[in-house]
N, C-alpha and C. Protein backbone atom coordinates (compact mmCIF):
# COMPACT_ATOMS: atom_id res chain seq x y z
N MET A 1 221.74 -56.94 -16.31
CA MET A 1 222.11 -55.71 -15.63
C MET A 1 220.99 -54.68 -15.85
N ASP A 2 220.46 -54.14 -14.77
CA ASP A 2 219.40 -53.14 -14.91
C ASP A 2 220.02 -51.75 -15.13
N LYS A 3 219.17 -50.76 -15.39
CA LYS A 3 219.66 -49.42 -15.69
C LYS A 3 220.52 -48.84 -14.58
N ALA A 4 220.09 -49.00 -13.35
CA ALA A 4 220.84 -48.44 -12.23
C ALA A 4 222.25 -49.05 -12.15
N GLU A 5 222.35 -50.35 -12.34
CA GLU A 5 223.65 -51.02 -12.30
C GLU A 5 224.53 -50.54 -13.45
N TYR A 6 223.93 -50.40 -14.64
CA TYR A 6 224.68 -49.92 -15.81
C TYR A 6 225.27 -48.53 -15.54
N TRP A 7 224.44 -47.62 -15.05
CA TRP A 7 224.90 -46.24 -14.83
C TRP A 7 225.84 -46.16 -13.65
N ARG A 8 225.66 -46.98 -12.63
CA ARG A 8 226.61 -47.02 -11.51
C ARG A 8 227.99 -47.41 -12.03
N GLU A 9 228.03 -48.38 -12.93
CA GLU A 9 229.29 -48.82 -13.54
C GLU A 9 229.91 -47.71 -14.38
N GLN A 10 229.08 -47.03 -15.20
CA GLN A 10 229.59 -45.94 -16.04
C GLN A 10 230.16 -44.81 -15.18
N ILE A 11 229.47 -44.48 -14.10
CA ILE A 11 229.93 -43.42 -13.20
C ILE A 11 231.26 -43.81 -12.57
N SER A 12 231.37 -45.05 -12.13
CA SER A 12 232.62 -45.54 -11.55
C SER A 12 233.76 -45.48 -12.57
N LEU A 13 233.50 -45.92 -13.79
CA LEU A 13 234.53 -45.90 -14.83
C LEU A 13 234.95 -44.47 -15.17
N GLN A 14 233.98 -43.57 -15.22
CA GLN A 14 234.30 -42.16 -15.52
C GLN A 14 235.18 -41.58 -14.42
N GLU A 15 234.84 -41.83 -13.17
CA GLU A 15 235.63 -41.29 -12.06
C GLU A 15 237.04 -41.86 -12.05
N LYS A 16 237.18 -43.13 -12.35
CA LYS A 16 238.50 -43.77 -12.38
C LYS A 16 239.33 -43.31 -13.57
N SER A 17 238.66 -42.89 -14.64
CA SER A 17 239.37 -42.51 -15.86
C SER A 17 240.15 -41.21 -15.71
N GLY A 18 239.73 -40.36 -14.77
CA GLY A 18 240.37 -39.06 -14.63
C GLY A 18 239.87 -38.04 -15.64
N MET A 19 238.97 -38.47 -16.50
CA MET A 19 238.40 -37.57 -17.51
C MET A 19 237.23 -36.80 -16.91
N THR A 20 236.93 -35.66 -17.50
CA THR A 20 235.72 -34.95 -17.08
C THR A 20 234.52 -35.77 -17.54
N ARG A 21 233.37 -35.51 -16.92
CA ARG A 21 232.16 -36.22 -17.36
C ARG A 21 231.90 -35.96 -18.84
N LYS A 22 232.07 -34.72 -19.26
CA LYS A 22 231.81 -34.36 -20.66
C LYS A 22 232.73 -35.14 -21.60
N SER A 23 234.03 -35.15 -21.30
CA SER A 23 234.98 -35.87 -22.16
C SER A 23 234.70 -37.36 -22.17
N TYR A 24 234.41 -37.91 -21.00
CA TYR A 24 234.11 -39.34 -20.90
C TYR A 24 232.90 -39.70 -21.75
N CYS A 25 231.84 -38.88 -21.63
CA CYS A 25 230.62 -39.15 -22.39
C CYS A 25 230.86 -39.07 -23.89
N GLU A 26 231.63 -38.06 -24.30
CA GLU A 26 231.93 -37.93 -25.73
C GLU A 26 232.71 -39.12 -26.25
N SER A 27 233.69 -39.58 -25.47
CA SER A 27 234.52 -40.68 -25.96
C SER A 27 233.84 -42.04 -25.85
N HIS A 28 232.77 -42.14 -25.05
CA HIS A 28 232.06 -43.41 -24.89
C HIS A 28 230.64 -43.35 -25.46
N ASP A 29 230.37 -42.32 -26.24
CA ASP A 29 229.07 -42.15 -26.91
C ASP A 29 227.91 -42.24 -25.92
N LEU A 30 228.06 -41.50 -24.80
CA LEU A 30 227.01 -41.44 -23.79
C LEU A 30 226.45 -40.03 -23.72
N ASN A 31 225.22 -39.91 -23.28
CA ASN A 31 224.61 -38.60 -23.11
C ASN A 31 225.07 -38.01 -21.78
N PHE A 32 225.69 -36.83 -21.84
CA PHE A 32 226.22 -36.16 -20.65
C PHE A 32 225.14 -35.93 -19.60
N HIS A 33 223.97 -35.46 -20.04
CA HIS A 33 222.90 -35.14 -19.11
C HIS A 33 222.33 -36.41 -18.45
N THR A 34 222.31 -37.50 -19.18
CA THR A 34 221.83 -38.76 -18.61
C THR A 34 222.81 -39.26 -17.55
N LEU A 35 224.10 -39.19 -17.83
CA LEU A 35 225.09 -39.59 -16.84
C LEU A 35 224.98 -38.71 -15.59
N THR A 36 224.82 -37.41 -15.77
CA THR A 36 224.67 -36.50 -14.64
C THR A 36 223.41 -36.81 -13.84
N TYR A 37 222.31 -37.08 -14.54
CA TYR A 37 221.06 -37.44 -13.87
C TYR A 37 221.25 -38.67 -12.99
N TRP A 38 221.85 -39.71 -13.54
CA TRP A 38 222.03 -40.94 -12.78
C TRP A 38 223.01 -40.76 -11.64
N LYS A 39 224.03 -39.94 -11.83
CA LYS A 39 224.96 -39.68 -10.73
C LYS A 39 224.23 -39.02 -9.57
N GLN A 40 223.38 -38.05 -9.88
CA GLN A 40 222.61 -37.37 -8.84
C GLN A 40 221.62 -38.34 -8.20
N LYS A 41 220.97 -39.15 -9.01
CA LYS A 41 219.98 -40.09 -8.50
C LYS A 41 220.61 -41.15 -7.60
N LEU A 42 221.74 -41.68 -8.00
CA LEU A 42 222.38 -42.77 -7.25
C LEU A 42 223.13 -42.30 -6.01
N THR A 43 223.65 -41.08 -6.06
CA THR A 43 224.43 -40.59 -4.92
C THR A 43 223.60 -39.68 -4.02
N GLY A 44 222.49 -39.18 -4.53
CA GLY A 44 221.65 -38.29 -3.75
C GLY A 44 222.23 -36.90 -3.59
N THR A 45 223.24 -36.59 -4.42
CA THR A 45 223.86 -35.27 -4.35
C THR A 45 223.88 -34.62 -5.71
N LYS A 46 223.88 -33.32 -5.70
CA LYS A 46 224.01 -32.57 -6.95
C LYS A 46 225.49 -32.54 -7.31
N THR A 47 225.77 -32.66 -8.61
CA THR A 47 227.16 -32.57 -9.05
C THR A 47 227.49 -31.11 -9.29
N LYS A 48 228.72 -30.76 -8.99
CA LYS A 48 229.17 -29.39 -9.19
C LYS A 48 230.37 -29.41 -10.11
N SER A 49 230.45 -28.39 -10.90
CA SER A 49 231.60 -28.25 -11.79
C SER A 49 232.85 -28.01 -10.95
N LYS A 50 233.93 -28.62 -11.34
CA LYS A 50 235.19 -28.44 -10.63
C LYS A 50 236.09 -27.46 -11.37
N LYS A 51 235.51 -26.63 -12.21
CA LYS A 51 236.31 -25.67 -12.95
C LYS A 51 236.86 -24.63 -12.00
N LYS A 52 238.15 -24.41 -12.10
CA LYS A 52 238.80 -23.44 -11.26
C LYS A 52 239.80 -22.65 -12.10
N PHE A 53 239.94 -21.42 -11.75
CA PHE A 53 241.01 -20.62 -12.34
C PHE A 53 242.11 -20.52 -11.30
N ILE A 54 243.32 -20.64 -11.75
CA ILE A 54 244.44 -20.48 -10.85
C ILE A 54 245.23 -19.26 -11.27
N PRO A 55 245.73 -18.51 -10.32
CA PRO A 55 246.49 -17.31 -10.68
C PRO A 55 247.81 -17.69 -11.35
N VAL A 56 248.16 -16.92 -12.36
CA VAL A 56 249.40 -17.15 -13.08
C VAL A 56 250.11 -15.82 -13.23
N LYS A 57 251.38 -15.79 -12.87
CA LYS A 57 252.19 -14.59 -13.08
C LYS A 57 252.99 -14.80 -14.34
N ILE A 58 252.92 -13.82 -15.23
CA ILE A 58 253.62 -13.92 -16.51
C ILE A 58 254.79 -12.95 -16.49
N LYS A 59 255.95 -13.47 -16.79
CA LYS A 59 257.14 -12.63 -16.88
C LYS A 59 257.61 -12.62 -18.33
N GLY A 60 258.01 -11.49 -18.78
CA GLY A 60 258.52 -11.40 -20.14
C GLY A 60 258.49 -9.97 -20.61
N SER A 61 258.95 -9.78 -21.83
CA SER A 61 258.96 -8.44 -22.39
C SER A 61 257.57 -8.09 -22.93
N SER A 62 257.37 -6.84 -23.26
CA SER A 62 256.06 -6.40 -23.74
C SER A 62 255.72 -7.02 -25.10
N SER A 63 256.69 -7.57 -25.79
CA SER A 63 256.41 -8.19 -27.09
C SER A 63 256.37 -9.71 -26.99
N SER A 64 256.34 -10.24 -25.77
CA SER A 64 256.33 -11.70 -25.57
C SER A 64 255.03 -12.33 -26.05
N LYS A 65 255.13 -13.57 -26.50
CA LYS A 65 253.96 -14.34 -26.90
C LYS A 65 253.89 -15.56 -25.99
N TYR A 66 252.65 -15.96 -25.66
CA TYR A 66 252.44 -17.05 -24.72
C TYR A 66 251.46 -18.06 -25.30
N GLU A 67 251.53 -19.27 -24.78
CA GLU A 67 250.62 -20.32 -25.20
C GLU A 67 250.11 -21.03 -23.95
N LEU A 68 248.80 -21.18 -23.87
CA LEU A 68 248.16 -21.86 -22.74
C LEU A 68 247.51 -23.11 -23.29
N GLU A 69 247.91 -24.28 -22.77
CA GLU A 69 247.31 -25.54 -23.21
C GLU A 69 246.34 -26.02 -22.14
N LEU A 70 245.10 -26.24 -22.55
CA LEU A 70 244.05 -26.68 -21.64
C LEU A 70 244.04 -28.20 -21.55
N PRO A 71 243.46 -28.76 -20.48
CA PRO A 71 243.38 -30.22 -20.35
C PRO A 71 242.69 -30.89 -21.54
N SER A 72 241.80 -30.14 -22.21
CA SER A 72 241.09 -30.70 -23.36
C SER A 72 241.99 -30.83 -24.58
N GLY A 73 243.19 -30.23 -24.51
CA GLY A 73 244.09 -30.25 -25.65
C GLY A 73 244.05 -28.98 -26.47
N HIS A 74 243.05 -28.12 -26.22
CA HIS A 74 242.98 -26.84 -26.91
C HIS A 74 244.14 -25.96 -26.48
N LYS A 75 244.63 -25.15 -27.41
CA LYS A 75 245.72 -24.23 -27.10
C LYS A 75 245.24 -22.80 -27.37
N ILE A 76 245.56 -21.91 -26.46
CA ILE A 76 245.24 -20.50 -26.62
C ILE A 76 246.58 -19.77 -26.70
N LYS A 77 246.80 -19.08 -27.82
CA LYS A 77 248.02 -18.31 -28.00
C LYS A 77 247.67 -16.84 -27.87
N PHE A 78 248.50 -16.10 -27.13
CA PHE A 78 248.23 -14.68 -26.93
C PHE A 78 249.53 -13.94 -26.65
N SER A 79 249.44 -12.63 -26.83
CA SER A 79 250.61 -11.79 -26.56
C SER A 79 250.40 -11.08 -25.24
N SER A 80 251.37 -10.29 -24.86
CA SER A 80 251.29 -9.59 -23.58
C SER A 80 250.20 -8.52 -23.58
N GLU A 81 249.66 -8.18 -24.74
CA GLU A 81 248.57 -7.21 -24.82
C GLU A 81 247.22 -7.87 -24.56
N PHE A 82 247.22 -9.12 -24.25
CA PHE A 82 245.99 -9.89 -24.01
C PHE A 82 245.14 -9.21 -22.95
N VAL A 83 243.83 -9.11 -23.21
CA VAL A 83 242.89 -8.50 -22.28
C VAL A 83 242.23 -9.64 -21.48
N VAL A 84 242.49 -9.67 -20.18
CA VAL A 84 242.02 -10.76 -19.33
C VAL A 84 240.50 -10.91 -19.39
N SER A 85 239.77 -9.81 -19.55
CA SER A 85 238.31 -9.88 -19.58
C SER A 85 237.79 -10.68 -20.77
N ASP A 86 238.62 -10.90 -21.76
CA ASP A 86 238.22 -11.69 -22.92
C ASP A 86 238.36 -13.20 -22.68
N LEU A 87 238.96 -13.58 -21.56
CA LEU A 87 239.20 -14.99 -21.30
C LEU A 87 237.91 -15.82 -21.27
N LYS A 88 236.86 -15.32 -20.63
CA LYS A 88 235.61 -16.05 -20.57
C LYS A 88 235.05 -16.31 -21.98
N LYS A 89 235.12 -15.31 -22.83
CA LYS A 89 234.64 -15.47 -24.20
C LYS A 89 235.42 -16.57 -24.92
N ILE A 90 236.72 -16.58 -24.70
CA ILE A 90 237.56 -17.61 -25.34
C ILE A 90 237.24 -18.98 -24.76
N MET A 91 237.11 -19.08 -23.46
CA MET A 91 236.81 -20.36 -22.82
C MET A 91 235.47 -20.91 -23.29
N ASP A 92 234.47 -20.04 -23.49
CA ASP A 92 233.18 -20.48 -23.99
C ASP A 92 233.29 -21.08 -25.39
N LEU A 93 234.21 -20.57 -26.19
CA LEU A 93 234.40 -21.07 -27.55
C LEU A 93 235.00 -22.48 -27.59
N VAL A 94 235.82 -22.80 -26.61
CA VAL A 94 236.51 -24.09 -26.65
C VAL A 94 235.80 -25.18 -25.86
N LYS A 95 234.65 -24.91 -25.29
CA LYS A 95 233.90 -25.93 -24.53
C LYS A 95 233.47 -27.05 -25.43
């Protein structure tokens, strides 16, 4: 199996796994940037992050506490005094 065939197989397995490229690479001891390079090389397209924020309406009292569980398994706990502008800082910490 040559390099192109190996990476084509890895890309296929990653896509079928439902995992992000980063998670797949970490769990299979692969270099994220190498997988991304080969995906771009083999498909002729640039990969784009599929990160999206979805709007969430929170109902509760002013003393309510909330917990947000991310697909990575990380949990963010916050109260109703949470400042939305701090979300990016928190997300950067859990990458």
